[in-house]
Structure formats: C-alpha cells, structure tokens
C-alpha cells in the first residue's frame, strides 16, 4: 500500500440541490486547481459529471461564450483558459489498450489541468474503495508492486483529485471530493461559497 495514502484527508462532502448548484460547485473547485492537476470523475451515466466539469472550466477562466461539451465521441477536448484544460471522456472505450492508444501521458503529465470522466476505466486504485483492491491484491507482493509498474495503475497516477458523484433524485446529487497527494489548498467548504 502506498504510505502517502495511509493518512488520507477526509473527503469533502457536498449536497447539490440542482444542476445549477452542481455547476457552481464546479466553479468554486476550478478556482483552486493548478497546472499539472489530474481530476478523476466517477459516477453513473447522467450523474452530473459533465455539469460539474462545465463549472470547473468556468472556474479555471474559460470564457462563458465557449461551450463545454462532453467529448464522448471526440474523446478529448482541449480548452484554453488561464491554463490549458484537457477534458477527456473514456465512456466509449472498451479496453485498456484503447485507452493507452490515446497517448494520455502528454495530457496527464503536461502543463495543463486534466479532467477525466469515467475515470474508473483508468484502473487507478480509489482512495475510498472499501474493498481496498490494491491492498488485497498486493498483500503478499508489496515489494514487487513498489518496484515495477502497477497493472492496477498503468498510468502511475499518484497525485489527483477524486470526485464521486451520486444521484439521490432527479436533481439532488451527493458529491465527494478527495485530494490525494496534491499541494495544500484552501478548498471550498460549502457548495455556494
């Protein structure tokens, strides 16, 4: 297990009562992102990932005149704001080979801010995974895991902001944010700060 993840910060939990509140929460979080940040978004189809990303992009300084659409078919949208924004949607990709063929490394470890919808397809061990897949898988093989690229984290993503969106009803969303390995920041503490 990664020693840096032993003492994870608690998740920041929000309840948004409408798509507009989800958007506004995204704006607030976007203001705190920095070049090189990777944001992994998790949630079912229709959970509100793209709405949140639209707000994050506005918080990063993207002009309101520029549309932010889910890149479901184009896979990657690039936006110029205060910093480059790379909006990636992995929904249509079926395998890790398909994902690896995108050349994500230049986005993930470049000078922009990378926002990834359907991040579970990247196979990055999740901080709040109650089954603790990484720990269970490596309980008898910790030394090997630390010295070789991880099959359960092929892109070796360490520092990230994990966002889990769970619909409660048609409009209400529970949204949990957990920064992992990111520099200390004054993250928002309410949806409408």
Protein backbone atom coordinates (compact mmCIF):
# COMPACT_ATOMS: atom_id res chain seq x y z
CA UNK A 1 0.00 0.00 0.00
CA UNK A 2 1.24 3.50 -0.77
CA UNK A 3 2.41 5.08 2.51
CA UNK A 4 1.20 8.51 1.33
CA UNK A 5 -2.35 7.16 1.17
CA UNK A 6 -2.30 5.76 4.72
CA UNK A 7 -3.28 9.15 6.15
CA UNK A 8 -5.76 10.31 3.52
CA UNK A 9 -7.53 13.58 4.12
CA UNK A 10 -11.23 13.17 4.79
CA UNK A 11 -13.48 13.52 1.77
CA UNK A 12 -15.17 16.89 1.35
CA UNK A 13 -18.88 16.13 1.05
CA UNK A 14 -21.46 18.31 -0.65
CA UNK A 15 -25.13 18.05 -1.49
CA UNK A 16 -26.26 19.95 -4.56
CA UNK A 17 -29.99 20.55 -4.92
CA UNK A 18 -29.95 21.34 -8.64
CA UNK A 19 -27.78 21.16 -11.76
CA UNK A 20 -27.03 24.88 -11.25
CA UNK A 21 -25.63 24.18 -7.77
CA UNK A 22 -23.52 21.35 -9.23
CA UNK A 23 -22.21 23.80 -11.83
CA UNK A 24 -21.46 26.44 -9.15
CA UNK A 25 -19.63 23.88 -7.02
CA UNK A 26 -17.50 23.11 -10.06
CA UNK A 27 -16.72 26.82 -10.47
CA UNK A 28 -15.51 27.00 -6.86
CA UNK A 29 -13.29 23.93 -7.17
CA UNK A 30 -11.96 25.05 -10.54
CA UNK A 31 -10.58 28.21 -8.93
CA UNK A 32 -8.31 26.04 -6.75
CA UNK A 33 -6.84 23.79 -9.44
CA UNK A 34 -3.29 24.27 -10.69
CA UNK A 35 -1.30 23.23 -13.76
CA UNK A 36 -0.45 19.55 -13.63
CA UNK A 37 -3.55 18.61 -11.60
CA UNK A 38 -5.44 15.49 -12.57
CA UNK A 39 -9.14 15.31 -11.72
CA UNK A 40 -10.76 11.86 -11.83
CA UNK A 41 -14.56 11.88 -12.04
CA UNK A 42 -16.62 8.86 -11.06
CA UNK A 43 -20.36 8.41 -11.37
CA UNK A 44 -23.05 6.66 -13.37
CA UNK A 45 -24.41 7.86 -16.68
CA UNK A 46 -26.39 11.05 -16.05
CA UNK A 47 -24.87 11.63 -12.61
CA UNK A 48 -23.74 15.16 -13.44
CA UNK A 49 -20.05 14.72 -14.31
CA UNK A 50 -20.22 16.97 -17.37
CA UNK A 51 -22.20 19.64 -15.50
CA UNK A 52 -19.52 19.69 -12.81
CA UNK A 53 -16.77 19.83 -15.46
CA UNK A 54 -18.53 22.78 -17.11
CA UNK A 55 -18.35 24.63 -13.80
CA UNK A 56 -14.71 23.64 -13.23
CA UNK A 57 -13.82 25.02 -16.67
CA UNK A 58 -15.53 28.34 -15.85
CA UNK A 59 -13.67 28.44 -12.53
CA UNK A 60 -10.43 27.97 -14.47
CA UNK A 61 -11.24 31.08 -16.52
CA UNK A 62 -12.81 29.58 -19.65
CA UNK A 63 -14.99 32.19 -21.34
CA UNK A 64 -18.76 31.68 -20.86
CA UNK A 65 -19.12 32.07 -24.64
CA UNK A 66 -17.17 28.86 -25.22
CA UNK A 67 -19.21 25.67 -24.88
CA UNK A 68 -18.02 22.78 -22.74
CA UNK A 69 -19.46 19.56 -24.10
CA UNK A 70 -18.71 16.03 -23.10
CA UNK A 71 -16.15 14.62 -25.52
CA UNK A 72 -17.96 11.27 -25.69
CA UNK A 73 -17.26 10.90 -29.41
CA UNK A 74 -14.15 13.06 -29.81
CA UNK A 75 -12.66 11.54 -26.60
CA UNK A 76 -10.53 14.61 -25.78
CA UNK A 77 -11.48 18.31 -25.88
CA UNK A 78 -8.80 20.93 -25.33
CA UNK A 79 -9.72 24.37 -23.98
CA UNK A 80 -7.54 27.42 -23.46
CA UNK A 81 -8.29 29.33 -20.26
CA UNK A 82 -5.92 30.59 -17.56
CA UNK A 83 -4.17 27.25 -18.16
CA UNK A 84 -4.74 24.54 -20.78
CA UNK A 85 -7.68 22.29 -19.90
CA UNK A 86 -7.84 18.72 -21.19
CA UNK A 87 -11.34 17.25 -20.88
CA UNK A 88 -11.27 13.51 -21.51
CA UNK A 89 -14.24 11.13 -21.67
CA UNK A 90 -13.45 7.40 -21.57
CA UNK A 91 -17.08 6.19 -21.75
CA UNK A 92 -16.88 4.66 -25.24
CA UNK A 93 -13.53 2.94 -24.80
CA UNK A 94 -13.74 -0.78 -24.20
CA UNK A 95 -10.24 -1.78 -23.13
CA UNK A 96 -7.05 -0.55 -21.54
CA UNK A 97 -5.39 -0.98 -24.96
CA UNK A 98 -7.89 1.53 -26.43
CA UNK A 99 -7.08 3.97 -23.63
CA UNK A 100 -3.32 3.51 -23.96
CA UNK A 101 -3.60 4.26 -27.70
CA UNK A 102 -4.88 7.77 -26.88
CA UNK A 103 -1.43 8.88 -25.71
CA UNK A 104 -2.79 10.22 -22.44
CA UNK A 105 0.64 10.68 -20.88
CA UNK A 106 1.13 14.05 -22.60
CA UNK A 107 -2.14 15.26 -21.07
CA UNK A 108 -1.79 13.62 -17.68
CA UNK A 109 1.72 14.82 -17.01
CA UNK A 110 1.79 18.03 -19.03
CA UNK A 111 1.32 21.66 -18.05
CA UNK A 112 -2.46 21.69 -18.18
CA UNK A 113 -5.31 20.57 -15.96
CA UNK A 114 -6.72 17.18 -16.92
CA UNK A 115 -10.37 16.34 -16.22
CA UNK A 116 -11.31 12.69 -16.85
CA UNK A 117 -14.88 11.42 -16.95
CA UNK A 118 -15.36 7.66 -16.48
CA UNK A 119 -12.03 7.52 -14.66
CA UNK A 120 -12.73 4.02 -13.35
CA UNK A 121 -11.59 2.80 -16.77
CA UNK A 122 -8.05 4.02 -15.98
CA UNK A 123 -7.78 1.36 -13.27
CA UNK A 124 -6.36 3.78 -10.70
CA UNK A 125 -6.92 2.34 -7.20
CA UNK A 126 -9.50 4.53 -5.50
CA UNK A 127 -8.79 6.02 -2.12
CA UNK A 128 -12.23 5.28 -0.72
CA UNK A 129 -12.58 1.80 -2.15
CA UNK A 130 -13.99 -0.19 0.75
CA UNK A 131 -12.81 -3.44 -0.81
CA UNK A 132 -9.29 -1.98 -0.88
CA UNK A 133 -8.43 -3.73 -4.15
CA UNK A 134 -4.82 -2.58 -4.16
CA UNK A 135 -4.11 -3.74 -0.63
CA UNK A 136 -5.77 -7.11 -1.08
CA UNK A 137 -4.12 -7.75 -4.42
CA UNK A 138 -0.66 -6.90 -3.14
CA UNK A 139 -0.76 -8.18 0.43
CA UNK A 140 1.77 -10.88 -0.37
CA UNK A 141 3.65 -8.94 -3.04
CA UNK A 142 4.32 -5.42 -1.69
CA UNK A 143 8.00 -5.21 -2.66
CA UNK A 144 7.39 -6.25 -6.27
CA UNK A 145 4.49 -3.84 -6.57
CA UNK A 146 6.57 -0.87 -5.48
CA UNK A 147 9.44 -1.61 -7.85
CA UNK A 148 7.51 -2.33 -11.06
CA UNK A 149 4.71 -0.53 -12.94
CA UNK A 150 1.38 -1.47 -11.44
CA UNK A 151 -1.07 -3.43 -13.52
CA UNK A 152 -3.81 -1.79 -11.46
CA UNK A 153 -2.50 1.73 -12.17
CA UNK A 154 -0.99 1.55 -15.67
CA UNK A 155 -0.50 5.32 -15.97
CA UNK A 156 1.07 5.58 -12.49
CA UNK A 157 -1.27 8.40 -11.44
CA UNK A 158 -0.39 9.40 -7.89
CA UNK A 159 -1.44 12.99 -7.16
CA UNK A 160 -5.06 13.61 -8.08
CA UNK A 161 -8.43 14.95 -7.07
CA UNK A 162 -11.02 12.17 -6.93
CA UNK A 163 -14.64 13.23 -7.37
CA UNK A 164 -17.52 10.81 -6.82
CA UNK A 165 -20.99 11.96 -7.90
CA UNK A 166 -24.03 10.02 -6.66
CA UNK A 167 -27.56 10.97 -7.74
CA UNK A 168 -30.07 10.95 -4.90
CA UNK A 169 -33.02 12.06 -7.04
CA UNK A 170 -33.57 13.70 -10.43
CA UNK A 171 -31.95 16.93 -9.22
CA UNK A 172 -30.13 16.20 -5.95
CA UNK A 173 -26.53 14.99 -6.06
CA UNK A 174 -24.10 13.94 -3.34
CA UNK A 175 -20.61 14.90 -4.43
CA UNK A 176 -17.46 13.80 -2.59
CA UNK A 177 -14.08 15.37 -3.32
CA UNK A 178 -10.85 13.84 -2.06
CA UNK A 179 -7.47 15.42 -2.89
CA UNK A 180 -4.69 12.84 -2.86
CA UNK A 181 -1.06 13.92 -2.96
CA UNK A 182 -1.92 17.45 -4.09
CA UNK A 183 -0.36 20.53 -2.57
CA UNK A 184 -2.24 22.05 0.36
CA UNK A 185 -5.05 24.33 -0.78
CA UNK A 186 -7.90 26.26 0.71
CA UNK A 187 -10.60 24.09 -0.84
CA UNK A 188 -14.22 25.30 -0.75
CA UNK A 189 -16.20 24.13 2.24
CA UNK A 190 -19.74 24.77 1.01
CA UNK A 191 -21.46 24.43 -2.34
CA UNK A 192 -22.29 28.12 -2.67
CA UNK A 193 -19.29 29.90 -1.12
